[in-house]
Amino acid sequence: MSALPRPALTKNAYVYEELRRRILAGELTQGQSISQEQLAAELGVSTTPLREALRRLDAEGLVNLDAHRDARVTRLNAEEARSLFEIREKLDPLAAKLAATRRTDADVSAIEAALKELEPLSASTGFESLLVHRAFHRSVYTASHNPLLSSLLEGLWDKADRYRQVGLQSKPDSAEDRERVRREHIAIAEAVISGDAREAERTMKKHVLGSLGRRAIAALEA
């Protein structure tokens, strides 16, 4: 197999981003063993940047590295899904509430632009659609102008995306579900843009309570 074309990144950054993308896109599945020599050859790099990327992904909880340097994609479980949901249930509404009181004109433009790009998620959703969904929520987090809160939520997103896929695959959204989610995103954006902190907090909490992350908990427990 010929090496993939490499973008203008350092080798370490390129390998990290590509491995991370494959895990989040489900191309490397939970529990899957990673052959470092084979993957390095496929990416057209030595094993040195690959090992560095794996160490970063291990620190982020996406990969497990053992003492013998064997690597395996982290398995998903109901306990972690529940922990993620509990954190988001509290922090996402807080971010929306702060965003409604602190948003700037630039923030409003970013939220409106991200909202226009949103499209319904489905069991066949590609990685790019997940990135668009992430961009909308990031625009709200950024508008909170609380860098620590934004960083915490952003750091959870990679893990959360893997559980969103579990939720979608366990029970695909109906047309009614997709319409509900569309209305919720619009309501969140409108509340933040209009400066209604209480409504922004309420609509974001409602959105999280009906999220795919919650559906993933039930799927993994079953």
C-alpha atoms as a PDB file:
ATOM      1  CA  MET A   1       0.000   0.000   0.000  1.00  0.00           C
ATOM      2  CA  SER A   2       1.420   3.411  -0.947  1.00  0.00           C
ATOM      3  CA  ALA A   3       1.780   6.084   1.729  1.00  0.00           C
ATOM      4  CA  LEU A   4      -0.975   8.626   2.087  1.00  0.00           C
ATOM      5  CA  PRO A   5      -0.209  12.208   0.942  1.00  0.00           C
ATOM      6  CA  ARG A   6       0.919  14.223   3.954  1.00  0.00           C
ATOM      7  CA  PRO A   7      -0.238  17.810   4.534  1.00  0.00           C
ATOM      8  CA  ALA A   8       2.082  20.658   5.579  1.00  0.00           C
ATOM      9  CA  LEU A   9       2.392  19.598   9.219  1.00  0.00           C
ATOM     10  CA  THR A  10       5.289  18.286  11.240  1.00  0.00           C
ATOM     11  CA  LYS A  11       5.460  14.497  11.190  1.00  0.00           C
ATOM     12  CA  ASN A  12       4.456  14.334  14.849  1.00  0.00           C
ATOM     13  CA  ALA A  13       1.448  16.622  14.337  1.00  0.00           C
ATOM     14  CA  TYR A  14       0.354  14.852  11.161  1.00  0.00           C
ATOM     15  CA  VAL A  15       0.475  11.365  12.694  1.00  0.00           C
ATOM     16  CA  TYR A  16      -1.324  12.541  15.835  1.00  0.00           C
ATOM     17  CA  GLU A  17      -4.122  14.247  13.877  1.00  0.00           C
ATOM     18  CA  GLU A  18      -4.555  11.295  11.519  1.00  0.00           C
ATOM     19  CA  LEU A  19      -4.691   8.711  14.302  1.00  0.00           C
ATOM     20  CA  ARG A  20      -7.090  10.864  16.294  1.00  0.00           C
ATOM     21  CA  ARG A  21      -9.312  11.292  13.217  1.00  0.00           C
ATOM     22  CA  ARG A  22      -9.403   7.551  12.544  1.00  0.00           C
ATOM     23  CA  ILE A  23     -10.397   6.791  16.124  1.00  0.00           C
ATOM     24  CA  LEU A  24     -13.121   9.449  16.247  1.00  0.00           C
ATOM     25  CA  ALA A  25     -14.417   8.451  12.816  1.00  0.00           C
ATOM     26  CA  GLY A  26     -14.636   4.821  13.914  1.00  0.00           C
ATOM     27  CA  GLU A  27     -12.092   3.634  11.338  1.00  0.00           C
ATOM     28  CA  LEU A  28     -10.065   2.322  14.275  1.00  0.00           C
ATOM     29  CA  THR A  29     -12.674   0.652  16.452  1.00  0.00           C
ATOM     30  CA  GLN A  30     -12.815   0.289  20.217  1.00  0.00           C
ATOM     31  CA  GLY A  31     -10.544  -2.442  21.487  1.00  0.00           C
ATOM     32  CA  GLN A  32      -8.686  -2.700  18.190  1.00  0.00           C
ATOM     33  CA  SER A  33      -4.968  -3.458  18.387  1.00  0.00           C
ATOM     34  CA  ILE A  34      -2.741  -0.990  16.539  1.00  0.00           C
ATOM     35  CA  SER A  35       0.186  -2.431  14.611  1.00  0.00           C
ATOM     36  CA  GLN A  36       2.776   0.313  14.919  1.00  0.00           C
ATOM     37  CA  GLU A  37       5.040  -0.958  12.137  1.00  0.00           C
ATOM     38  CA  GLN A  38       2.166  -1.449   9.701  1.00  0.00           C
ATOM     39  CA  LEU A  39       0.577   1.912  10.460  1.00  0.00           C
ATOM     40  CA  ALA A  40       3.893   3.764  10.261  1.00  0.00           C
ATOM     41  CA  ALA A  41       4.504   2.271   6.810  1.00  0.00           C
ATOM     42  CA  GLU A  42       0.988   3.190   5.698  1.00  0.00           C
ATOM     43  CA  LEU A  43       1.428   6.804   6.842  1.00  0.00           C
ATOM     44  CA  GLY A  44       4.899   7.062   5.363  1.00  0.00           C
ATOM     45  CA  VAL A  45       6.681   7.842   8.628  1.00  0.00           C
ATOM     46  CA  SER A  46       9.040   6.105  11.036  1.00  0.00           C
ATOM     47  CA  THR A  47       7.740   4.592  14.260  1.00  0.00           C
ATOM     48  CA  THR A  48       9.180   7.508  16.296  1.00  0.00           C
ATOM     49  CA  PRO A  49       6.442  10.092  15.521  1.00  0.00           C
ATOM     50  CA  LEU A  50       3.873   7.299  15.720  1.00  0.00           C
ATOM     51  CA  ARG A  51       4.938   6.414  19.272  1.00  0.00           C
ATOM     52  CA  GLU A  52       4.810  10.081  20.242  1.00  0.00           C
ATOM     53  CA  ALA A  53       1.286  10.355  18.827  1.00  0.00           C
ATOM     54  CA  LEU A  54       0.236   7.243  20.728  1.00  0.00           C
ATOM     55  CA  ARG A  55       1.590   8.692  23.974  1.00  0.00           C
ATOM     56  CA  ARG A  56      -0.504  11.831  23.447  1.00  0.00           C
ATOM     57  CA  LEU A  57      -3.605   9.797  22.649  1.00  0.00           C
ATOM     58  CA  ASP A  58      -2.965   7.620  25.697  1.00  0.00           C
ATOM     59  CA  ALA A  59      -2.885  10.766  27.865  1.00  0.00           C
ATOM     60  CA  GLU A  60      -6.192  11.830  26.310  1.00  0.00           C
ATOM     61  CA  GLY A  61      -7.792   8.470  26.996  1.00  0.00           C
ATOM     62  CA  LEU A  62      -8.289   7.468  23.357  1.00  0.00           C
ATOM     63  CA  VAL A  63      -5.582   4.791  23.335  1.00  0.00           C
ATOM     64  CA  ASN A  64      -4.205   2.361  25.922  1.00  0.00           C
ATOM     65  CA  LEU A  65      -0.451   1.777  25.951  1.00  0.00           C
ATOM     66  CA  ASP A  66       0.926  -1.026  28.101  1.00  0.00           C
ATOM     67  CA  ALA A  67       4.408  -1.527  29.492  1.00  0.00           C
ATOM     68  CA  HIS A  68       5.470  -3.397  26.363  1.00  0.00           C
ATOM     69  CA  ARG A  69       4.371  -0.414  24.194  1.00  0.00           C
ATOM     70  CA  ASP A  70       1.510  -2.368  22.676  1.00  0.00           C
ATOM     71  CA  ALA A  71      -1.314  -0.034  21.699  1.00  0.00           C
ATOM     72  CA  ARG A  72      -5.044  -0.600  21.610  1.00  0.00           C
ATOM     73  CA  VAL A  73      -7.970   1.756  21.022  1.00  0.00           C
ATOM     74  CA  THR A  74      -9.711   2.421  24.342  1.00  0.00           C
ATOM     75  CA  ARG A  75     -12.948   0.516  24.855  1.00  0.00           C
ATOM     76  CA  LEU A  76     -16.148   2.419  25.546  1.00  0.00           C
ATOM     77  CA  ASN A  77     -18.164   1.730  28.675  1.00  0.00           C
ATOM     78  CA  ALA A  78     -21.362   2.850  30.372  1.00  0.00           C
ATOM     79  CA  GLU A  79     -19.540   4.277  33.392  1.00  0.00           C
ATOM     80  CA  GLU A  80     -17.502   6.723  31.322  1.00  0.00           C
ATOM     81  CA  ALA A  81     -20.549   7.597  29.211  1.00  0.00           C
ATOM     82  CA  ARG A  82     -22.447   8.451  32.395  1.00  0.00           C
ATOM     83  CA  SER A  83     -19.564  10.537  33.730  1.00  0.00           C
ATOM     84  CA  LEU A  84     -19.402  12.533  30.505  1.00  0.00           C
ATOM     85  CA  PHE A  85     -23.150  13.088  30.564  1.00  0.00           C
ATOM     86  CA  GLU A  86     -23.102  14.284  34.194  1.00  0.00           C
ATOM     87  CA  ILE A  87     -20.367  16.808  33.462  1.00  0.00           C
ATOM     88  CA  ARG A  88     -22.029  18.117  30.305  1.00  0.00           C
ATOM     89  CA  GLU A  89     -25.394  18.361  32.058  1.00  0.00           C
ATOM     90  CA  LYS A  90     -23.847  20.985  34.370  1.00  0.00           C
ATOM     91  CA  LEU A  91     -21.178  22.698  32.283  1.00  0.00           C
ATOM     92  CA  ASP A  92     -22.871  23.102  28.875  1.00  0.00           C
ATOM     93  CA  PRO A  93     -25.807  25.086  30.352  1.00  0.00           C
ATOM     94  CA  LEU A  94     -23.326  27.214  32.307  1.00  0.00           C
ATOM     95  CA  ALA A  95     -21.411  27.995  29.121  1.00  0.00           C
ATOM     96  CA  ALA A  96     -24.631  28.972  27.331  1.00  0.00           C
ATOM     97  CA  LYS A  97     -25.715  31.162  30.251  1.00  0.00           C
ATOM     98  CA  LEU A  98     -22.379  32.995  30.302  1.00  0.00           C
ATOM     99  CA  ALA A  99     -22.374  33.285  26.517  1.00  0.00           C
ATOM    100  CA  ALA A 100     -25.732  35.086  26.606  1.00  0.00           C
ATOM    101  CA  THR A 101     -24.294  37.759  28.890  1.00  0.00           C
ATOM    102  CA  ARG A 102     -20.835  38.075  27.335  1.00  0.00           C
ATOM    103  CA  ARG A 103     -21.185  37.457  23.589  1.00  0.00           C
ATOM    104  CA  THR A 104     -19.617  39.970  21.250  1.00  0.00           C
ATOM    105  CA  ASP A 105     -20.594  40.836  17.686  1.00  0.00           C
ATOM    106  CA  ALA A 106     -17.882  38.466  16.484  1.00  0.00           C
ATOM    107  CA  ASP A 107     -19.314  35.694  18.671  1.00  0.00           C
ATOM    108  CA  VAL A 108     -22.798  36.290  17.269  1.00  0.00           C
ATOM    109  CA  SER A 109     -21.475  36.025  13.721  1.00  0.00           C
ATOM    110  CA  ALA A 110     -19.641  32.790  14.558  1.00  0.00           C
ATOM    111  CA  ILE A 111     -22.755  31.243  16.161  1.00  0.00           C
ATOM    112  CA  GLU A 112     -24.942  32.215  13.202  1.00  0.00           C
ATOM    113  CA  ALA A 113     -22.431  30.839  10.693  1.00  0.00           C
ATOM    114  CA  ALA A 114     -22.068  27.551  12.608  1.00  0.00           C
ATOM    115  CA  LEU A 115     -25.838  27.179  12.890  1.00  0.00           C
ATOM    116  CA  LYS A 116     -26.250  27.478   9.115  1.00  0.00           C
ATOM    117  CA  GLU A 117     -23.811  24.612   8.555  1.00  0.00           C
ATOM    118  CA  LEU A 118     -25.560  22.151  10.891  1.00  0.00           C
ATOM    119  CA  GLU A 119     -27.213  19.095   9.438  1.00  0.00           C
ATOM    120  CA  PRO A 120     -28.966  16.140  11.118  1.00  0.00           C
ATOM    121  CA  LEU A 121     -26.757  13.353  12.437  1.00  0.00           C
ATOM    122  CA  SER A 122     -27.514   9.747  11.531  1.00  0.00           C
ATOM    123  CA  ALA A 123     -26.006   6.293  11.921  1.00  0.00           C
ATOM    124  CA  SER A 124     -24.133   6.893   8.660  1.00  0.00           C
ATOM    125  CA  THR A 125     -22.916  10.342   9.689  1.00  0.00           C
ATOM    126  CA  GLY A 126     -19.397  11.026   8.532  1.00  0.00           C
ATOM    127  CA  PHE A 127     -16.607  12.603  10.539  1.00  0.00           C
ATOM    128  CA  GLU A 128     -17.088  15.960   8.803  1.00  0.00           C
ATOM    129  CA  SER A 129     -20.689  16.197  10.038  1.00  0.00           C
ATOM    130  CA  LEU A 130     -19.507  15.572  13.581  1.00  0.00           C
ATOM    131  CA  LEU A 131     -16.977  18.385  13.175  1.00  0.00           C
ATOM    132  CA  VAL A 132     -19.740  20.773  12.078  1.00  0.00           C
ATOM    133  CA  HIS A 133     -21.818  19.784  15.117  1.00  0.00           C
ATOM    134  CA  ARG A 134     -18.778  20.390  17.286  1.00  0.00           C
ATOM    135  CA  ALA A 135     -18.186  23.801  15.699  1.00  0.00           C
ATOM    136  CA  PHE A 136     -21.643  25.011  16.727  1.00  0.00           C
ATOM    137  CA  HIS A 137     -21.138  24.056  20.358  1.00  0.00           C
ATOM    138  CA  ARG A 138     -17.610  25.472  20.295  1.00  0.00           C
ATOM    139  CA  SER A 139     -18.998  28.805  19.112  1.00  0.00           C
ATOM    140  CA  VAL A 140     -21.223  28.906  22.207  1.00  0.00           C
ATOM    141  CA  TYR A 141     -18.383  27.844  24.515  1.00  0.00           C
ATOM    142  CA  THR A 142     -16.118  30.520  23.044  1.00  0.00           C
ATOM    143  CA  ALA A 143     -18.801  33.180  23.538  1.00  0.00           C
ATOM    144  CA  SER A 144     -18.768  32.427  27.286  1.00  0.00           C
ATOM    145  CA  HIS A 145     -15.357  34.151  27.435  1.00  0.00           C
ATOM    146  CA  ASN A 146     -14.318  31.737  30.156  1.00  0.00           C
ATOM    147  CA  PRO A 147     -11.190  30.075  28.723  1.00  0.00           C
ATOM    148  CA  LEU A 148     -10.971  27.431  31.438  1.00  0.00           C
ATOM    149  CA  LEU A 149     -14.596  26.362  30.963  1.00  0.00           C
ATOM    150  CA  SER A 150     -14.165  26.302  27.175  1.00  0.00           C
ATOM    151  CA  SER A 151     -11.004  24.231  27.505  1.00  0.00           C
ATOM    152  CA  LEU A 152     -12.699  21.715  29.809  1.00  0.00           C
ATOM    153  CA  LEU A 153     -15.643  21.247  27.457  1.00  0.00           C
ATOM    154  CA  GLU A 154     -13.448  21.108  24.371  1.00  0.00           C
ATOM    155  CA  GLY A 155     -11.291  18.481  26.040  1.00  0.00           C
ATOM    156  CA  LEU A 156     -14.322  16.278  26.622  1.00  0.00           C
ATOM    157  CA  TRP A 157     -15.570  16.514  23.055  1.00  0.00           C
ATOM    158  CA  ASP A 158     -13.345  13.825  21.534  1.00  0.00           C
ATOM    159  CA  LYS A 159     -14.557  11.260  24.048  1.00  0.00           C
ATOM    160  CA  ALA A 160     -18.155  12.428  23.692  1.00  0.00           C
ATOM    161  CA  ASP A 161     -18.114  12.032  19.897  1.00  0.00           C
ATOM    162  CA  ARG A 162     -17.316   8.316  20.235  1.00  0.00           C
ATOM    163  CA  TYR A 163     -20.333   7.875  22.500  1.00  0.00           C
ATOM    164  CA  ARG A 164     -22.536   9.897  20.149  1.00  0.00           C
ATOM    165  CA  GLN A 165     -21.793   7.333  17.470  1.00  0.00           C
ATOM    166  CA  VAL A 166     -22.786   4.525  19.862  1.00  0.00           C
ATOM    167  CA  GLY A 167     -26.051   6.345  20.519  1.00  0.00           C
ATOM    168  CA  LEU A 168     -26.780   6.790  16.821  1.00  0.00           C
ATOM    169  CA  GLN A 169     -25.999   3.180  15.986  1.00  0.00           C
ATOM    170  CA  SER A 170     -28.074   1.799  18.855  1.00  0.00           C
ATOM    171  CA  LYS A 171     -31.205   3.699  17.890  1.00  0.00           C
ATOM    172  CA  PRO A 172     -31.217   5.883  14.769  1.00  0.00           C
ATOM    173  CA  ASP A 173     -32.961   9.227  15.111  1.00  0.00           C
ATOM    174  CA  SER A 174     -36.487   9.416  13.771  1.00  0.00           C
ATOM    175  CA  ALA A 175     -37.655  12.353  11.656  1.00  0.00           C
ATOM    176  CA  GLU A 176     -39.212  13.761  14.829  1.00  0.00           C
ATOM    177  CA  ASP A 177     -35.903  13.443  16.690  1.00  0.00           C
ATOM    178  CA  ARG A 178     -34.027  15.258  13.942  1.00  0.00           C
ATOM    179  CA  GLU A 179     -36.584  18.061  13.896  1.00  0.00           C
ATOM    180  CA  ARG A 180     -36.434  18.354  17.699  1.00  0.00           C
ATOM    181  CA  VAL A 181     -32.644  18.648  17.648  1.00  0.00           C
ATOM    182  CA  ARG A 182     -32.830  21.241  14.850  1.00  0.00           C
ATOM    183  CA  ARG A 183     -35.252  23.348  16.891  1.00  0.00           C
ATOM    184  CA  GLU A 184     -33.099  23.009  19.997  1.00  0.00           C
ATOM    185  CA  HIS A 185     -30.020  24.291  18.195  1.00  0.00           C
ATOM    186  CA  ILE A 186     -31.978  27.250  16.869  1.00  0.00           C
ATOM    187  CA  ALA A 187     -33.381  27.981  20.338  1.00  0.00           C
ATOM    188  CA  ILE A 188     -29.921  27.872  21.910  1.00  0.00           C
ATOM    189  CA  ALA A 189     -28.526  30.237  19.277  1.00  0.00           C
ATOM    190  CA  GLU A 190     -31.457  32.658  19.566  1.00  0.00           C
ATOM    191  CA  ALA A 191     -31.274  32.768  23.366  1.00  0.00           C
ATOM    192  CA  VAL A 192     -27.529  33.424  23.383  1.00  0.00           C
ATOM    193  CA  ILE A 193     -27.724  36.039  20.640  1.00  0.00           C
ATOM    194  CA  SER A 194     -30.652  37.857  22.278  1.00  0.00           C
ATOM    195  CA  GLY A 195     -28.862  37.910  25.618  1.00  0.00           C
ATOM    196  CA  ASP A 196     -31.468  35.839  27.476  1.00  0.00           C
ATOM    197  CA  ALA A 197     -29.205  34.018  29.950  1.00  0.00           C
ATOM    198  CA  ARG A 198     -31.966  32.090  31.702  1.00  0.00           C
ATOM    199  CA  GLU A 199     -33.425  30.799  28.430  1.00  0.00           C
ATOM    200  CA  ALA A 200     -29.976  29.951  27.062  1.00  0.00           C
ATOM    201  CA  GLU A 201     -29.252  27.885  30.158  1.00  0.00           C
ATOM    202  CA  ARG A 202     -32.660  26.175  30.025  1.00  0.00           C
ATOM    203  CA  THR A 203     -32.542  25.291  26.335  1.00  0.00           C
ATOM    204  CA  MET A 204     -28.984  23.979  26.543  1.00  0.00           C
ATOM    205  CA  LYS A 205     -29.857  21.773  29.506  1.00  0.00           C
ATOM    206  CA  LYS A 206     -32.878  20.416  27.637  1.00  0.00           C
ATOM    207  CA  HIS A 207     -30.623  19.710  24.654  1.00  0.00           C
ATOM    208  CA  VAL A 208     -28.107  17.777  26.773  1.00  0.00           C
ATOM    209  CA  LEU A 209     -30.839  15.778  28.535  1.00  0.00           C
ATOM    210  CA  GLY A 210     -32.052  14.492  25.171  1.00  0.00           C
ATOM    211  CA  SER A 211     -28.580  13.978  23.757  1.00  0.00           C
ATOM    212  CA  LEU A 212     -27.016  10.973  22.067  1.00  0.00           C
ATOM    213  CA  GLY A 213     -24.669  10.651  25.027  1.00  0.00           C
ATOM    214  CA  ARG A 214     -27.587   9.744  27.245  1.00  0.00           C
ATOM    215  CA  ARG A 215     -28.778   7.204  24.681  1.00  0.00           C
ATOM    216  CA  ALA A 216     -25.292   5.684  24.642  1.00  0.00           C
ATOM    217  CA  ILE A 217     -25.464   5.007  28.391  1.00  0.00           C
ATOM    218  CA  ALA A 218     -28.554   2.858  27.923  1.00  0.00           C
ATOM    219  CA  ALA A 219     -27.020   1.077  24.929  1.00  0.00           C
ATOM    220  CA  LEU A 220     -23.816   0.212  26.761  1.00  0.00           C
ATOM    221  CA  GLU A 221     -25.627  -0.907  29.893  1.00  0.00           C
ATOM    222  CA  ALA A 222     -27.729  -3.248  27.761  1.00  0.00           C
END
